[in-house]
Amino acid sequence: MVEKRDQWLGRRRMHLRLRFLQGESTGSYVTRLAARNNRPTEEVLRSMGTGPVPVDPQYTEMYVSRYARERLATLAGHTVAEMQERLIGLRDEFLMPKNAKDDWEWPWDARAGYIVQACSLCAARRGTRSPAWLILPDPWQVCLRHQRWTDNSRSTDPPTSI
């Protein structure tokens, strides 16, 4: 864990807020928040603490420390409780250990479930034009509204209709 941190790091909300997607992964949310504010993901992460370079959210989930979770909530303009309710990976049981040297990690296997592409039509209704990624208990999902099938193939191809 970093001994001394900048006390002002991540203390201001980003200019543009981002709408949540039901079941979205933390990595997908952070990446979309950065893009929405026209910032590189690495810059947003630096506002959350220290850690490894980001991984594309289609490959794994991002897990954070308590410190980074608080900073992300501030940057996003929400309370920690709101963030935990909307992003499964921010719940207490998925936080990194207190003695971790970094404030986030991108392990190869997601601990909270499977990374599944969101229905692009549902995401577009929430203001998202790029692929978004969900963390789900099953390796697939059917969007009943748009009759689309998505799975954890990690492809960026549009979901297929059923």
N, C-alpha and C. Protein backbone atom coordinates (compact mmCIF):
# COMPACT_ATOMS: atom_id res chain seq x y z
N MET A 1 0.84 -1.17 0.00
CA MET A 1 0.00 0.00 0.00
C MET A 1 0.89 1.24 0.00
N VAL A 2 0.52 2.22 -0.72
CA VAL A 2 1.28 3.46 -0.80
C VAL A 2 1.20 4.16 0.55
N GLU A 3 2.36 4.57 1.09
CA GLU A 3 2.41 5.20 2.41
C GLU A 3 1.78 6.58 2.42
N LYS A 4 2.19 7.42 1.47
CA LYS A 4 1.72 8.81 1.47
C LYS A 4 1.01 9.08 0.14
N ARG A 5 -0.21 9.57 0.25
CA ARG A 5 -1.00 9.88 -0.94
C ARG A 5 -1.33 11.36 -0.96
N ASP A 6 -1.54 11.85 -2.15
CA ASP A 6 -1.97 13.23 -2.32
C ASP A 6 -3.39 13.35 -1.75
N GLN A 7 -3.59 14.20 -0.76
CA GLN A 7 -4.90 14.32 -0.12
C GLN A 7 -5.96 14.88 -1.04
N TRP A 8 -5.57 15.53 -2.13
CA TRP A 8 -6.53 16.11 -3.06
C TRP A 8 -6.85 15.20 -4.23
N LEU A 9 -6.16 14.07 -4.31
CA LEU A 9 -6.33 13.13 -5.40
C LEU A 9 -7.78 12.63 -5.48
N GLY A 10 -8.40 12.79 -6.62
CA GLY A 10 -9.76 12.28 -6.83
C GLY A 10 -10.81 12.93 -5.95
N ARG A 11 -10.63 14.17 -5.54
CA ARG A 11 -11.57 14.84 -4.65
C ARG A 11 -12.60 15.69 -5.38
N ARG A 12 -12.48 15.82 -6.70
CA ARG A 12 -13.44 16.61 -7.48
C ARG A 12 -14.18 15.71 -8.44
N ARG A 13 -15.47 15.96 -8.58
CA ARG A 13 -16.29 15.20 -9.51
C ARG A 13 -15.88 15.55 -10.93
N MET A 14 -15.91 14.55 -11.80
CA MET A 14 -15.63 14.80 -13.21
C MET A 14 -16.78 15.64 -13.78
N HIS A 15 -16.48 16.38 -14.82
CA HIS A 15 -17.44 17.32 -15.39
C HIS A 15 -18.72 16.64 -15.86
N LEU A 16 -18.60 15.55 -16.60
CA LEU A 16 -19.78 14.88 -17.17
C LEU A 16 -20.07 13.58 -16.43
N ARG A 17 -21.29 13.45 -15.97
CA ARG A 17 -21.70 12.23 -15.27
C ARG A 17 -22.03 11.14 -16.28
N LEU A 18 -22.17 9.95 -15.77
CA LEU A 18 -22.40 8.78 -16.62
C LEU A 18 -23.56 7.98 -16.06
N ARG A 19 -24.48 7.58 -16.91
CA ARG A 19 -25.60 6.76 -16.48
C ARG A 19 -25.13 5.32 -16.29
N PHE A 20 -25.67 4.67 -15.29
CA PHE A 20 -25.32 3.27 -15.01
C PHE A 20 -26.02 2.34 -15.98
N LEU A 21 -25.38 1.22 -16.25
CA LEU A 21 -26.01 0.12 -16.97
C LEU A 21 -26.22 -1.01 -15.97
N GLN A 22 -27.38 -1.62 -15.98
CA GLN A 22 -27.69 -2.70 -15.05
C GLN A 22 -26.66 -3.82 -15.17
N GLY A 23 -25.96 -4.13 -14.07
CA GLY A 23 -25.00 -5.24 -14.05
C GLY A 23 -23.64 -4.92 -14.63
N GLU A 24 -23.35 -3.66 -14.90
CA GLU A 24 -22.09 -3.30 -15.55
C GLU A 24 -20.88 -3.64 -14.68
N SER A 25 -19.81 -4.03 -15.33
CA SER A 25 -18.56 -4.31 -14.61
C SER A 25 -17.89 -2.99 -14.23
N THR A 26 -17.08 -3.03 -13.19
CA THR A 26 -16.37 -1.83 -12.74
C THR A 26 -15.42 -1.33 -13.82
N GLY A 27 -14.70 -2.25 -14.46
CA GLY A 27 -13.76 -1.86 -15.52
C GLY A 27 -14.46 -1.17 -16.68
N SER A 28 -15.62 -1.67 -17.06
CA SER A 28 -16.39 -1.06 -18.13
C SER A 28 -16.85 0.34 -17.72
N TYR A 29 -17.31 0.48 -16.50
CA TYR A 29 -17.79 1.78 -16.02
C TYR A 29 -16.66 2.80 -16.00
N VAL A 30 -15.51 2.42 -15.47
CA VAL A 30 -14.36 3.35 -15.40
C VAL A 30 -13.93 3.76 -16.81
N THR A 31 -13.88 2.81 -17.72
CA THR A 31 -13.48 3.10 -19.10
C THR A 31 -14.49 4.04 -19.76
N ARG A 32 -15.78 3.80 -19.56
CA ARG A 32 -16.80 4.67 -20.13
C ARG A 32 -16.80 6.06 -19.49
N LEU A 33 -16.55 6.12 -18.17
CA LEU A 33 -16.48 7.42 -17.49
C LEU A 33 -15.34 8.25 -18.06
N ALA A 34 -14.20 7.62 -18.30
CA ALA A 34 -13.06 8.33 -18.88
C ALA A 34 -13.41 8.83 -20.28
N ALA A 35 -13.98 7.97 -21.11
CA ALA A 35 -14.33 8.35 -22.48
C ALA A 35 -15.38 9.47 -22.49
N ARG A 36 -16.34 9.40 -21.59
CA ARG A 36 -17.40 10.42 -21.52
C ARG A 36 -16.81 11.79 -21.23
N ASN A 37 -15.73 11.81 -20.44
CA ASN A 37 -15.08 13.06 -20.06
C ASN A 37 -13.86 13.37 -20.92
N ASN A 38 -13.73 12.64 -22.03
CA ASN A 38 -12.65 12.85 -22.98
C ASN A 38 -11.27 12.79 -22.32
N ARG A 39 -11.10 11.79 -21.46
CA ARG A 39 -9.85 11.57 -20.74
C ARG A 39 -9.37 10.15 -20.98
N PRO A 40 -8.06 9.95 -21.02
CA PRO A 40 -7.55 8.58 -21.10
C PRO A 40 -7.90 7.82 -19.81
N THR A 41 -8.16 6.54 -19.94
CA THR A 41 -8.48 5.73 -18.77
C THR A 41 -7.36 5.81 -17.73
N GLU A 42 -6.11 5.83 -18.20
CA GLU A 42 -4.97 5.90 -17.28
C GLU A 42 -5.03 7.15 -16.40
N GLU A 43 -5.49 8.26 -16.96
CA GLU A 43 -5.59 9.51 -16.20
C GLU A 43 -6.65 9.40 -15.10
N VAL A 44 -7.78 8.80 -15.44
CA VAL A 44 -8.83 8.62 -14.44
C VAL A 44 -8.33 7.69 -13.34
N LEU A 45 -7.63 6.64 -13.73
CA LEU A 45 -7.10 5.71 -12.73
C LEU A 45 -6.10 6.40 -11.81
N ARG A 46 -5.27 7.27 -12.35
CA ARG A 46 -4.31 8.01 -11.51
C ARG A 46 -5.03 8.86 -10.46
N SER A 47 -6.24 9.30 -10.78
CA SER A 47 -7.03 10.06 -9.81
C SER A 47 -7.61 9.16 -8.72
N MET A 48 -7.51 7.86 -8.92
CA MET A 48 -8.04 6.89 -7.96
C MET A 48 -6.94 6.26 -7.10
N GLY A 49 -5.67 6.55 -7.41
CA GLY A 49 -4.59 5.96 -6.63
C GLY A 49 -3.49 5.45 -7.53
N THR A 50 -2.95 4.28 -7.19
CA THR A 50 -1.86 3.68 -7.98
C THR A 50 -2.20 2.24 -8.32
N GLY A 51 -1.68 1.79 -9.46
CA GLY A 51 -1.93 0.41 -9.86
C GLY A 51 -1.41 0.15 -11.26
N PRO A 52 -1.63 -1.06 -11.75
CA PRO A 52 -1.14 -1.43 -13.08
C PRO A 52 -1.91 -0.74 -14.20
N VAL A 53 -1.35 -0.81 -15.40
CA VAL A 53 -2.02 -0.22 -16.56
C VAL A 53 -3.37 -0.91 -16.76
N PRO A 54 -4.34 -0.19 -17.32
CA PRO A 54 -5.67 -0.79 -17.48
C PRO A 54 -5.68 -1.91 -18.52
N VAL A 55 -6.62 -2.80 -18.34
CA VAL A 55 -6.88 -3.90 -19.26
C VAL A 55 -8.22 -3.61 -19.90
N ASP A 56 -8.37 -3.95 -21.17
CA ASP A 56 -9.66 -3.74 -21.82
C ASP A 56 -10.74 -4.47 -21.02
N PRO A 57 -11.84 -3.80 -20.66
CA PRO A 57 -12.85 -4.42 -19.78
C PRO A 57 -13.56 -5.62 -20.38
N GLN A 58 -13.36 -5.91 -21.64
CA GLN A 58 -13.99 -7.10 -22.21
C GLN A 58 -13.25 -8.36 -21.77
N TYR A 59 -12.07 -8.23 -21.18
CA TYR A 59 -11.27 -9.39 -20.81
C TYR A 59 -11.38 -9.79 -19.35
N THR A 60 -11.55 -8.84 -18.45
CA THR A 60 -11.63 -9.18 -17.03
C THR A 60 -12.27 -8.04 -16.25
N GLU A 61 -12.61 -8.31 -15.01
CA GLU A 61 -13.18 -7.30 -14.13
C GLU A 61 -12.05 -6.57 -13.40
N MET A 62 -12.32 -5.35 -13.03
CA MET A 62 -11.39 -4.53 -12.26
C MET A 62 -11.84 -4.55 -10.80
N TYR A 63 -10.91 -4.83 -9.90
CA TYR A 63 -11.21 -4.81 -8.48
C TYR A 63 -10.38 -3.72 -7.83
N VAL A 64 -10.95 -3.05 -6.84
CA VAL A 64 -10.32 -1.87 -6.27
C VAL A 64 -10.18 -1.97 -4.75
N SER A 65 -9.36 -1.09 -4.22
CA SER A 65 -9.22 -0.95 -2.77
C SER A 65 -10.35 -0.06 -2.25
N ARG A 66 -10.49 -0.01 -0.95
CA ARG A 66 -11.48 0.87 -0.33
C ARG A 66 -11.20 2.34 -0.71
N TYR A 67 -9.92 2.70 -0.70
CA TYR A 67 -9.49 4.06 -1.07
C TYR A 67 -9.91 4.39 -2.50
N ALA A 68 -9.61 3.50 -3.46
CA ALA A 68 -9.95 3.73 -4.87
C ALA A 68 -11.46 3.77 -5.06
N ARG A 69 -12.19 2.95 -4.31
CA ARG A 69 -13.65 2.96 -4.43
C ARG A 69 -14.21 4.32 -4.02
N GLU A 70 -13.68 4.89 -2.94
CA GLU A 70 -14.13 6.21 -2.50
C GLU A 70 -13.80 7.28 -3.55
N ARG A 71 -12.60 7.19 -4.13
CA ARG A 71 -12.21 8.17 -5.15
C ARG A 71 -13.07 8.03 -6.40
N LEU A 72 -13.35 6.81 -6.81
CA LEU A 72 -14.20 6.59 -7.99
C LEU A 72 -15.60 7.16 -7.75
N ALA A 73 -16.15 6.94 -6.57
CA ALA A 73 -17.48 7.48 -6.26
C ALA A 73 -17.47 9.00 -6.37
N THR A 74 -16.43 9.63 -5.85
CA THR A 74 -16.33 11.09 -5.93
C THR A 74 -16.22 11.54 -7.39
N LEU A 75 -15.34 10.90 -8.15
CA LEU A 75 -15.16 11.26 -9.56
C LEU A 75 -16.47 11.11 -10.33
N ALA A 76 -17.23 10.06 -10.02
CA ALA A 76 -18.48 9.78 -10.73
C ALA A 76 -19.64 10.65 -10.24
N GLY A 77 -19.47 11.30 -9.08
CA GLY A 77 -20.54 12.15 -8.56
C GLY A 77 -21.64 11.37 -7.86
N HIS A 78 -21.28 10.23 -7.27
CA HIS A 78 -22.24 9.39 -6.55
C HIS A 78 -21.68 9.05 -5.18
N THR A 79 -22.53 8.55 -4.30
CA THR A 79 -22.06 8.08 -3.01
C THR A 79 -21.49 6.67 -3.18
N VAL A 80 -20.68 6.25 -2.21
CA VAL A 80 -20.14 4.89 -2.25
C VAL A 80 -21.30 3.89 -2.24
N ALA A 81 -22.33 4.13 -1.44
CA ALA A 81 -23.48 3.23 -1.37
C ALA A 81 -24.16 3.09 -2.74
N GLU A 82 -24.33 4.20 -3.45
CA GLU A 82 -24.93 4.15 -4.79
C GLU A 82 -24.05 3.33 -5.74
N MET A 83 -22.74 3.54 -5.65
CA MET A 83 -21.82 2.81 -6.52
C MET A 83 -21.86 1.31 -6.22
N GLN A 84 -21.90 0.95 -4.94
CA GLN A 84 -21.95 -0.45 -4.56
C GLN A 84 -23.24 -1.12 -5.04
N GLU A 85 -24.32 -0.38 -4.99
CA GLU A 85 -25.60 -0.92 -5.43
C GLU A 85 -25.60 -1.18 -6.93
N ARG A 86 -24.94 -0.33 -7.71
CA ARG A 86 -24.97 -0.42 -9.16
C ARG A 86 -23.85 -1.27 -9.75
N LEU A 87 -22.69 -1.30 -9.10
CA LEU A 87 -21.53 -2.03 -9.62
C LEU A 87 -21.14 -3.12 -8.63
N ILE A 88 -21.42 -4.35 -8.99
CA ILE A 88 -21.20 -5.49 -8.10
C ILE A 88 -19.75 -5.56 -7.61
N GLY A 89 -18.80 -5.28 -8.51
CA GLY A 89 -17.38 -5.38 -8.17
C GLY A 89 -16.94 -4.40 -7.10
N LEU A 90 -17.78 -3.42 -6.73
CA LEU A 90 -17.43 -2.45 -5.70
C LEU A 90 -17.99 -2.83 -4.32
N ARG A 91 -18.67 -3.96 -4.25
CA ARG A 91 -19.21 -4.40 -2.96
C ARG A 91 -18.06 -4.87 -2.06
N ASP A 92 -18.28 -4.77 -0.76
CA ASP A 92 -17.23 -5.06 0.22
C ASP A 92 -16.54 -6.41 0.00
N GLU A 93 -17.30 -7.43 -0.35
CA GLU A 93 -16.71 -8.78 -0.49
C GLU A 93 -15.73 -8.88 -1.66
N PHE A 94 -15.75 -7.92 -2.58
CA PHE A 94 -14.85 -7.96 -3.72
C PHE A 94 -13.72 -6.93 -3.64
N LEU A 95 -13.65 -6.19 -2.53
CA LEU A 95 -12.57 -5.21 -2.37
C LEU A 95 -11.24 -5.93 -2.21
N MET A 96 -10.19 -5.26 -2.62
CA MET A 96 -8.84 -5.81 -2.46
C MET A 96 -8.47 -5.81 -0.98
N PRO A 97 -7.54 -6.68 -0.59
CA PRO A 97 -7.11 -6.71 0.81
C PRO A 97 -6.49 -5.38 1.24
N LYS A 98 -6.61 -5.05 2.50
CA LYS A 98 -6.10 -3.79 3.02
C LYS A 98 -4.59 -3.65 2.84
N ASN A 99 -3.87 -4.74 2.81
CA ASN A 99 -2.40 -4.69 2.69
C ASN A 99 -1.92 -4.76 1.24
N ALA A 100 -2.82 -4.65 0.26
CA ALA A 100 -2.42 -4.70 -1.15
C ALA A 100 -1.54 -3.50 -1.49
N LYS A 101 -0.56 -3.72 -2.34
CA LYS A 101 0.36 -2.63 -2.69
C LYS A 101 -0.25 -1.66 -3.71
N ASP A 102 -1.23 -2.11 -4.48
CA ASP A 102 -1.89 -1.26 -5.47
C ASP A 102 -3.32 -0.95 -5.05
N ASP A 103 -3.92 0.03 -5.73
CA ASP A 103 -5.30 0.40 -5.43
C ASP A 103 -6.31 -0.25 -6.37
N TRP A 104 -5.84 -0.94 -7.38
CA TRP A 104 -6.72 -1.72 -8.25
C TRP A 104 -5.92 -2.85 -8.88
N GLU A 105 -6.66 -3.84 -9.38
CA GLU A 105 -6.05 -4.97 -10.07
C GLU A 105 -7.01 -5.45 -11.14
N TRP A 106 -6.46 -6.13 -12.12
CA TRP A 106 -7.23 -6.70 -13.22
C TRP A 106 -6.87 -8.19 -13.31
N PRO A 107 -7.33 -9.03 -12.38
CA PRO A 107 -6.97 -10.45 -12.44
C PRO A 107 -7.54 -11.11 -13.69
N TRP A 108 -6.88 -12.14 -14.18
CA TRP A 108 -7.34 -12.78 -15.40
C TRP A 108 -8.76 -13.31 -15.26
N ASP A 109 -9.08 -13.94 -14.14
CA ASP A 109 -10.43 -14.47 -13.93
C ASP A 109 -11.24 -13.53 -13.05
N ALA A 110 -12.40 -13.16 -13.53
CA ALA A 110 -13.30 -12.32 -12.74
C ALA A 110 -13.83 -13.14 -11.57
N ARG A 111 -13.78 -12.59 -10.37
CA ARG A 111 -14.23 -13.31 -9.17
C ARG A 111 -15.73 -13.19 -8.96
N ALA A 112 -16.34 -12.16 -9.51
CA ALA A 112 -17.75 -11.90 -9.23
C ALA A 112 -18.69 -12.56 -10.25
N GLY A 113 -18.16 -13.19 -11.28
CA GLY A 113 -19.02 -13.79 -12.30
C GLY A 113 -18.32 -13.84 -13.64
N TYR A 114 -19.08 -13.63 -14.70
CA TYR A 114 -18.57 -13.69 -16.06
C TYR A 114 -18.71 -12.32 -16.74
N ILE A 115 -17.75 -12.00 -17.59
CA ILE A 115 -17.81 -10.77 -18.38
C ILE A 115 -18.63 -11.06 -19.64
N VAL A 116 -19.75 -10.36 -19.80
CA VAL A 116 -20.66 -10.57 -20.91
C VAL A 116 -20.96 -9.21 -21.54
N GLN A 117 -20.94 -9.15 -22.87
CA GLN A 117 -21.24 -7.89 -23.54
C GLN A 117 -22.69 -7.48 -23.30
N ALA A 118 -22.90 -6.20 -23.03
CA ALA A 118 -24.26 -5.68 -22.84
C ALA A 118 -24.96 -5.59 -24.19
N CYS A 119 -26.27 -5.70 -24.17
CA CYS A 119 -27.06 -5.48 -25.38
C CYS A 119 -26.79 -4.05 -25.85
N SER A 120 -26.33 -3.91 -27.06
CA SER A 120 -25.96 -2.57 -27.56
C SER A 120 -27.17 -1.64 -27.66
N LEU A 121 -28.36 -2.17 -27.89
CA LEU A 121 -29.55 -1.34 -27.96
C LEU A 121 -29.96 -0.83 -26.57
N CYS A 122 -29.84 -1.69 -25.56
CA CYS A 122 -30.11 -1.26 -24.18
C CYS A 122 -29.08 -0.22 -23.75
N ALA A 123 -27.82 -0.47 -24.09
CA ALA A 123 -26.75 0.48 -23.74
C ALA A 123 -26.99 1.82 -24.42
N ALA A 124 -27.41 1.80 -25.67
CA ALA A 124 -27.67 3.05 -26.41
C ALA A 124 -28.80 3.83 -25.75
N ARG A 125 -29.79 3.15 -25.22
CA ARG A 125 -30.89 3.83 -24.52
C ARG A 125 -30.38 4.57 -23.29
N ARG A 126 -29.24 4.12 -22.75
CA ARG A 126 -28.63 4.75 -21.57
C ARG A 126 -27.50 5.70 -21.96
N GLY A 127 -27.37 5.98 -23.26
CA GLY A 127 -26.38 6.94 -23.72
C GLY A 127 -25.01 6.38 -24.04
N THR A 128 -24.91 5.06 -24.21
CA THR A 128 -23.63 4.42 -24.48
C THR A 128 -23.57 3.98 -25.94
N ARG A 129 -22.56 4.47 -26.65
CA ARG A 129 -22.42 4.11 -28.06
C ARG A 129 -21.37 3.02 -28.28
N SER A 130 -20.42 2.90 -27.37
CA SER A 130 -19.37 1.88 -27.52
C SER A 130 -19.77 0.62 -26.76
N PRO A 131 -19.11 -0.51 -27.04
CA PRO A 131 -19.45 -1.73 -26.30
C PRO A 131 -19.28 -1.54 -24.79
N ALA A 132 -20.22 -2.07 -24.05
CA ALA A 132 -20.16 -2.05 -22.59
C ALA A 132 -20.19 -3.50 -22.12
N TRP A 133 -19.64 -3.72 -20.94
CA TRP A 133 -19.47 -5.08 -20.43
C TRP A 133 -20.13 -5.24 -19.08
N LEU A 134 -20.82 -6.35 -18.91
CA LEU A 134 -21.54 -6.66 -17.68
C LEU A 134 -20.78 -7.73 -16.91
N ILE A 135 -21.01 -7.79 -15.62
CA ILE A 135 -20.51 -8.90 -14.81
C ILE A 135 -21.75 -9.64 -14.34
N LEU A 136 -21.92 -10.87 -14.82
CA LEU A 136 -23.15 -11.63 -14.59
C LEU A 136 -22.84 -12.99 -13.97
N PRO A 137 -23.81 -13.58 -13.28
CA PRO A 137 -23.57 -14.90 -12.67
C PRO A 137 -23.51 -16.03 -13.70
N ASP A 138 -24.04 -15.81 -14.89
CA ASP A 138 -24.02 -16.82 -15.96
C ASP A 138 -23.17 -16.32 -17.13
N PRO A 139 -22.59 -17.23 -17.92
CA PRO A 139 -21.73 -16.82 -19.03
C PRO A 139 -22.49 -16.35 -20.27
N TRP A 140 -23.78 -16.11 -20.14
CA TRP A 140 -24.58 -15.64 -21.26
C TRP A 140 -25.76 -14.86 -20.73
N GLN A 141 -26.42 -14.17 -21.62
CA GLN A 141 -27.62 -13.40 -21.26
C GLN A 141 -28.49 -13.27 -22.50
N VAL A 142 -29.79 -13.22 -22.29
CA VAL A 142 -30.74 -12.93 -23.36
C VAL A 142 -31.43 -11.62 -22.99
N CYS A 143 -31.35 -10.65 -23.86
CA CYS A 143 -32.07 -9.40 -23.65
C CYS A 143 -33.50 -9.63 -24.15
N LEU A 144 -34.43 -9.66 -23.22
CA LEU A 144 -35.82 -9.92 -23.59
C LEU A 144 -36.44 -8.76 -24.35
N ARG A 145 -36.01 -7.55 -24.03
CA ARG A 145 -36.55 -6.37 -24.69
C ARG A 145 -36.23 -6.38 -26.19
N HIS A 146 -34.97 -6.68 -26.53
CA HIS A 146 -34.53 -6.61 -27.92
C HIS A 146 -34.27 -7.98 -28.55
N GLN A 147 -34.57 -9.02 -27.82
CA GLN A 147 -34.40 -10.40 -28.29
C GLN A 147 -33.00 -10.64 -28.85
N ARG A 148 -32.02 -10.30 -28.03
CA ARG A 148 -30.62 -10.49 -28.42
C ARG A 148 -29.92 -11.39 -27.41
N TRP A 149 -29.00 -12.18 -27.93
CA TRP A 149 -28.22 -13.12 -27.15
C TRP A 149 -26.79 -12.59 -27.04
N THR A 150 -26.24 -12.53 -25.85
CA THR A 150 -24.84 -12.19 -25.67
C THR A 150 -24.21 -13.23 -24.76
N ASP A 151 -22.91 -13.41 -24.91
CA ASP A 151 -22.22 -14.37 -24.05
C ASP A 151 -20.83 -13.84 -23.71
N ASN A 152 -20.05 -14.68 -23.05
CA ASN A 152 -18.73 -14.24 -22.61
C ASN A 152 -17.64 -14.59 -23.61
N SER A 153 -17.97 -14.55 -24.89
CA SER A 153 -16.97 -14.82 -25.93
C SER A 153 -15.95 -13.70 -26.03
N ARG A 154 -16.27 -12.55 -25.45
CA ARG A 154 -15.39 -11.37 -25.42
C ARG A 154 -15.16 -10.78 -26.80
N SER A 155 -16.08 -11.03 -27.68
CA SER A 155 -16.04 -10.45 -29.01
C SER A 155 -16.70 -9.08 -28.97
N THR A 156 -16.24 -8.17 -29.82
CA THR A 156 -16.90 -6.86 -29.89
C THR A 156 -17.94 -6.82 -31.00
N ASP A 157 -18.22 -7.97 -31.63
CA ASP A 157 -19.27 -8.03 -32.64
C ASP A 157 -20.61 -7.73 -31.98
N PRO A 158 -21.54 -7.11 -32.71
CA PRO A 158 -22.86 -6.84 -32.12
C PRO A 158 -23.55 -8.15 -31.72
N PRO A 159 -24.33 -8.13 -30.64
CA PRO A 159 -25.05 -9.33 -30.22
C PRO A 159 -25.98 -9.83 -31.32
N THR A 160 -26.20 -11.13 -31.36
CA THR A 160 -27.06 -11.71 -32.38
C THR A 160 -28.50 -11.78 -31.89
N SER A 161 -29.43 -11.68 -32.80
CA SER A 161 -30.84 -11.80 -32.46
C SER A 161 -31.18 -13.26 -32.30
N ILE A 162 -32.17 -13.52 -31.45
CA ILE A 162 -32.59 -14.91 -31.26
C ILE A 162 -33.82 -15.23 -32.05
